[in-house]
Each structure stands twice: as C-alpha cells, then as structure tokens.
C-alpha cells in the first residue's frame, strides 16, 4: 500500500497530495505525483475537484513540499480516494 502525504493551504481552499509513482520505468530516479485539488463547498462534505497532476523527481517533490510548508500550507488528512 502506498502512503500519500497531504497538504492544505492556509485558507482551506486547495489541497495537494504527494504520492510515489510505483509504476515508474526509470531505473535511476524515483518520481512523485503531486495532485492538486480545489475545495468546493464545505471542507469534508465532498471531495475536492482534482485540477492538476504533475510528476517530479523525488528531490524536486521534496523541494516543492518544503516551499509549500514555508508558505503556510500544513499537513492534513486524505481528501479523496486514489484515482490510479
């Protein structure tokens, strides 16, 4: 089972899910998916609308995580089920 890592922005309007790409074909680098979503309505009533997915090398994904934390994002519980 893959562990996902979640962040939510300071005004509770956007979420991001970081998850390892287990189907990566690159033998030299590991990659992470970063899924972004927009919260619609009341948080927790409906899953966020997934807006984008990017795939980054794991080092770049860690840098993105640190950048978001420094901007006020914080860890949160899962907001939607896996879609892959």
N, C-alpha and C. Protein backbone atom coordinates (compact mmCIF):
# COMPACT_ATOMS: atom_id res chain seq x y z
N UNK A 1 0.84 -1.19 0.00
CA UNK A 1 0.00 0.00 0.00
C UNK A 1 0.88 1.24 0.00
N UNK A 2 0.58 2.17 -0.85
CA UNK A 2 1.35 3.41 -0.96
C UNK A 2 0.84 4.41 0.05
N UNK A 3 1.77 5.07 0.68
CA UNK A 3 1.40 6.12 1.61
C UNK A 3 1.36 7.44 0.86
N UNK A 4 0.32 8.19 1.08
CA UNK A 4 0.17 9.51 0.48
C UNK A 4 0.41 10.55 1.55
N UNK A 5 0.89 11.71 1.12
CA UNK A 5 1.16 12.83 2.02
C UNK A 5 0.34 14.01 1.52
N UNK A 6 -0.39 14.62 2.43
CA UNK A 6 -1.36 15.66 2.07
C UNK A 6 -1.01 17.00 2.70
N UNK A 7 -1.27 18.06 1.93
CA UNK A 7 -1.14 19.43 2.43
C UNK A 7 -2.41 20.19 2.08
N UNK A 8 -2.74 21.17 2.93
CA UNK A 8 -3.85 22.08 2.67
C UNK A 8 -3.35 23.50 2.86
N UNK A 9 -3.85 24.43 2.05
CA UNK A 9 -3.37 25.81 2.19
C UNK A 9 -4.02 26.50 3.39
N UNK A 10 -3.53 27.69 3.69
CA UNK A 10 -3.92 28.38 4.93
C UNK A 10 -5.39 28.80 4.96
N UNK A 11 -6.01 29.02 3.81
CA UNK A 11 -7.42 29.40 3.83
C UNK A 11 -8.35 28.25 3.46
N UNK A 12 -7.82 27.01 3.52
CA UNK A 12 -8.62 25.80 3.30
C UNK A 12 -9.35 25.75 1.97
N UNK A 13 -8.72 26.26 0.92
CA UNK A 13 -9.38 26.26 -0.39
C UNK A 13 -8.71 25.32 -1.39
N UNK A 14 -7.48 24.86 -1.09
CA UNK A 14 -6.75 23.98 -2.01
C UNK A 14 -6.03 22.89 -1.24
N UNK A 15 -5.91 21.73 -1.86
CA UNK A 15 -5.16 20.62 -1.27
C UNK A 15 -4.17 20.08 -2.29
N UNK A 16 -3.14 19.42 -1.78
CA UNK A 16 -2.17 18.73 -2.63
C UNK A 16 -1.89 17.37 -2.03
N UNK A 17 -1.80 16.37 -2.91
CA UNK A 17 -1.45 15.01 -2.49
C UNK A 17 -0.13 14.64 -3.14
N UNK A 18 0.81 14.21 -2.33
CA UNK A 18 2.11 13.74 -2.81
C UNK A 18 2.10 12.21 -2.69
N UNK A 19 2.34 11.51 -3.78
CA UNK A 19 2.37 10.05 -3.75
C UNK A 19 3.44 9.55 -4.70
N UNK A 20 4.11 8.48 -4.28
CA UNK A 20 5.20 7.93 -5.08
C UNK A 20 4.63 7.24 -6.31
N UNK A 21 5.29 7.43 -7.44
CA UNK A 21 4.91 6.74 -8.68
C UNK A 21 5.49 5.33 -8.63
N UNK A 22 4.66 4.36 -8.33
CA UNK A 22 5.09 2.97 -8.20
C UNK A 22 5.28 2.30 -9.56
N UNK A 23 4.77 2.91 -10.64
CA UNK A 23 4.86 2.31 -11.96
C UNK A 23 5.93 2.98 -12.82
N UNK A 24 6.84 3.64 -12.17
CA UNK A 24 7.92 4.36 -12.84
C UNK A 24 8.82 3.38 -13.59
N UNK A 25 9.16 3.70 -14.82
CA UNK A 25 10.03 2.83 -15.63
C UNK A 25 11.50 3.24 -15.56
N UNK A 26 11.77 4.42 -15.00
CA UNK A 26 13.14 4.92 -14.90
C UNK A 26 13.89 4.14 -13.82
N UNK A 27 15.00 3.54 -14.18
CA UNK A 27 15.75 2.72 -13.23
C UNK A 27 16.72 3.55 -12.37
N UNK A 28 16.90 4.82 -12.69
CA UNK A 28 17.87 5.64 -11.99
C UNK A 28 17.25 6.64 -11.02
N UNK A 29 16.02 7.06 -11.27
CA UNK A 29 15.39 8.09 -10.46
C UNK A 29 14.02 7.64 -9.99
N UNK A 30 13.64 8.10 -8.78
CA UNK A 30 12.29 7.89 -8.29
C UNK A 30 11.48 9.15 -8.55
N UNK A 31 10.19 8.97 -8.77
CA UNK A 31 9.31 10.09 -9.08
C UNK A 31 8.12 10.11 -8.14
N UNK A 32 7.59 11.32 -7.92
CA UNK A 32 6.39 11.53 -7.12
C UNK A 32 5.35 12.21 -8.00
N UNK A 33 4.09 11.83 -7.78
CA UNK A 33 2.97 12.58 -8.34
C UNK A 33 2.58 13.64 -7.33
N UNK A 34 2.27 14.82 -7.83
CA UNK A 34 1.69 15.86 -6.98
C UNK A 34 0.34 16.21 -7.61
N UNK A 35 -0.73 15.80 -6.94
CA UNK A 35 -2.09 16.08 -7.40
C UNK A 35 -2.59 17.31 -6.65
N UNK A 36 -3.16 18.24 -7.39
CA UNK A 36 -3.71 19.45 -6.79
C UNK A 36 -5.22 19.43 -6.93
N UNK A 37 -5.89 19.92 -5.90
CA UNK A 37 -7.35 19.97 -5.92
C UNK A 37 -7.88 21.24 -5.32
N UNK A 38 -9.08 21.59 -5.75
CA UNK A 38 -9.76 22.79 -5.28
C UNK A 38 -10.94 22.34 -4.43
N UNK A 39 -11.03 22.86 -3.21
CA UNK A 39 -12.12 22.50 -2.32
C UNK A 39 -13.38 23.25 -2.74
N UNK A 40 -14.44 22.47 -2.92
CA UNK A 40 -15.72 23.02 -3.36
C UNK A 40 -16.72 22.84 -2.22
N UNK A 41 -17.36 23.91 -1.80
CA UNK A 41 -18.31 23.81 -0.71
C UNK A 41 -17.62 23.69 0.64
N UNK A 42 -18.23 22.96 1.55
CA UNK A 42 -17.72 22.81 2.91
C UNK A 42 -16.67 21.70 2.93
N UNK A 43 -15.53 22.00 3.54
CA UNK A 43 -14.44 21.03 3.64
C UNK A 43 -14.93 19.75 4.29
N UNK A 44 -14.69 18.62 3.63
CA UNK A 44 -15.07 17.33 4.17
C UNK A 44 -16.43 16.83 3.70
N UNK A 45 -17.27 17.69 3.17
CA UNK A 45 -18.59 17.25 2.68
C UNK A 45 -18.47 16.54 1.34
N UNK A 46 -17.67 17.09 0.45
CA UNK A 46 -17.44 16.50 -0.87
C UNK A 46 -15.94 16.47 -1.11
N UNK A 47 -15.46 15.50 -1.89
CA UNK A 47 -14.03 15.52 -2.21
C UNK A 47 -13.68 16.73 -3.07
N UNK A 48 -12.46 17.22 -2.95
CA UNK A 48 -12.04 18.36 -3.79
C UNK A 48 -12.05 17.98 -5.27
N UNK A 49 -12.16 18.97 -6.10
CA UNK A 49 -12.08 18.79 -7.55
C UNK A 49 -10.60 18.73 -7.92
N UNK A 50 -10.17 17.61 -8.45
CA UNK A 50 -8.77 17.48 -8.85
C UNK A 50 -8.53 18.35 -10.08
N UNK A 51 -7.54 19.22 -9.99
CA UNK A 51 -7.30 20.17 -11.07
C UNK A 51 -6.06 19.86 -11.89
N UNK A 52 -4.99 19.40 -11.24
CA UNK A 52 -3.76 19.11 -11.99
C UNK A 52 -3.03 17.93 -11.37
N UNK A 53 -2.18 17.32 -12.18
CA UNK A 53 -1.26 16.29 -11.70
C UNK A 53 0.07 16.56 -12.37
N UNK A 54 1.12 16.61 -11.56
CA UNK A 54 2.45 16.71 -12.13
C UNK A 54 3.30 15.58 -11.58
N UNK A 55 4.31 15.22 -12.33
CA UNK A 55 5.23 14.18 -11.91
C UNK A 55 6.62 14.79 -11.83
N UNK A 56 7.22 14.71 -10.64
CA UNK A 56 8.53 15.30 -10.41
C UNK A 56 9.48 14.25 -9.85
N UNK A 57 10.76 14.44 -10.12
CA UNK A 57 11.76 13.62 -9.45
C UNK A 57 11.60 13.84 -7.96
N UNK A 58 11.90 12.83 -7.19
CA UNK A 58 11.65 12.87 -5.75
C UNK A 58 12.33 14.06 -5.06
N UNK A 59 13.53 14.43 -5.51
CA UNK A 59 14.22 15.60 -4.93
C UNK A 59 13.43 16.88 -5.15
N UNK A 60 12.91 17.04 -6.37
CA UNK A 60 12.13 18.25 -6.69
C UNK A 60 10.81 18.26 -5.92
N UNK A 61 10.21 17.08 -5.74
CA UNK A 61 8.97 16.99 -4.98
C UNK A 61 9.21 17.40 -3.52
N UNK A 62 10.34 16.96 -2.96
CA UNK A 62 10.68 17.37 -1.58
C UNK A 62 10.87 18.87 -1.49
N UNK A 63 11.52 19.46 -2.50
CA UNK A 63 11.70 20.92 -2.52
C UNK A 63 10.34 21.62 -2.58
N UNK A 64 9.42 21.09 -3.40
CA UNK A 64 8.08 21.67 -3.51
C UNK A 64 7.35 21.59 -2.17
N UNK A 65 7.45 20.45 -1.49
CA UNK A 65 6.84 20.27 -0.16
C UNK A 65 7.36 21.34 0.80
N UNK A 66 8.68 21.50 0.86
CA UNK A 66 9.29 22.48 1.76
C UNK A 66 8.84 23.90 1.43
N UNK A 67 8.76 24.21 0.15
CA UNK A 67 8.33 25.54 -0.29
C UNK A 67 6.89 25.80 0.17
N UNK A 68 6.01 24.82 -0.03
CA UNK A 68 4.61 24.99 0.37
C UNK A 68 4.49 25.15 1.89
N UNK A 69 5.22 24.36 2.67
CA UNK A 69 5.20 24.49 4.14
C UNK A 69 5.64 25.90 4.54
N UNK A 70 6.68 26.42 3.88
CA UNK A 70 7.16 27.77 4.21
C UNK A 70 6.14 28.84 3.84
N UNK A 71 5.21 28.52 2.94
CA UNK A 71 4.17 29.46 2.52
C UNK A 71 2.89 29.33 3.36
N UNK A 72 2.92 28.47 4.38
CA UNK A 72 1.77 28.36 5.27
C UNK A 72 0.90 27.13 5.05
N UNK A 73 1.23 26.29 4.09
CA UNK A 73 0.49 25.06 3.91
C UNK A 73 0.79 24.16 5.11
N UNK A 74 -0.15 23.25 5.45
CA UNK A 74 0.07 22.34 6.57
C UNK A 74 -0.47 20.95 6.22
N UNK A 75 0.02 19.97 6.97
CA UNK A 75 -0.42 18.59 6.73
C UNK A 75 -1.90 18.46 7.06
N UNK A 76 -2.57 17.57 6.33
CA UNK A 76 -4.00 17.34 6.56
C UNK A 76 -4.32 15.88 6.28
N UNK A 77 -5.54 15.51 6.57
CA UNK A 77 -5.98 14.13 6.31
C UNK A 77 -6.31 13.96 4.82
N UNK A 78 -6.37 12.72 4.34
CA UNK A 78 -6.70 12.49 2.93
C UNK A 78 -8.03 13.13 2.55
N UNK A 79 -8.05 13.74 1.37
CA UNK A 79 -9.25 14.45 0.93
C UNK A 79 -10.01 13.72 -0.18
N UNK A 80 -9.39 12.80 -0.87
CA UNK A 80 -10.08 11.98 -1.86
C UNK A 80 -9.36 10.66 -2.03
N UNK A 81 -10.07 9.72 -2.60
CA UNK A 81 -9.51 8.38 -2.82
C UNK A 81 -8.57 8.40 -4.00
N UNK A 82 -7.74 7.37 -4.08
CA UNK A 82 -6.81 7.24 -5.20
C UNK A 82 -7.58 7.12 -6.50
N UNK A 83 -7.00 7.68 -7.53
CA UNK A 83 -7.64 7.61 -8.85
C UNK A 83 -6.75 6.88 -9.85
N UNK A 84 -5.74 6.19 -9.40
CA UNK A 84 -4.86 5.47 -10.32
C UNK A 84 -4.58 4.08 -9.81
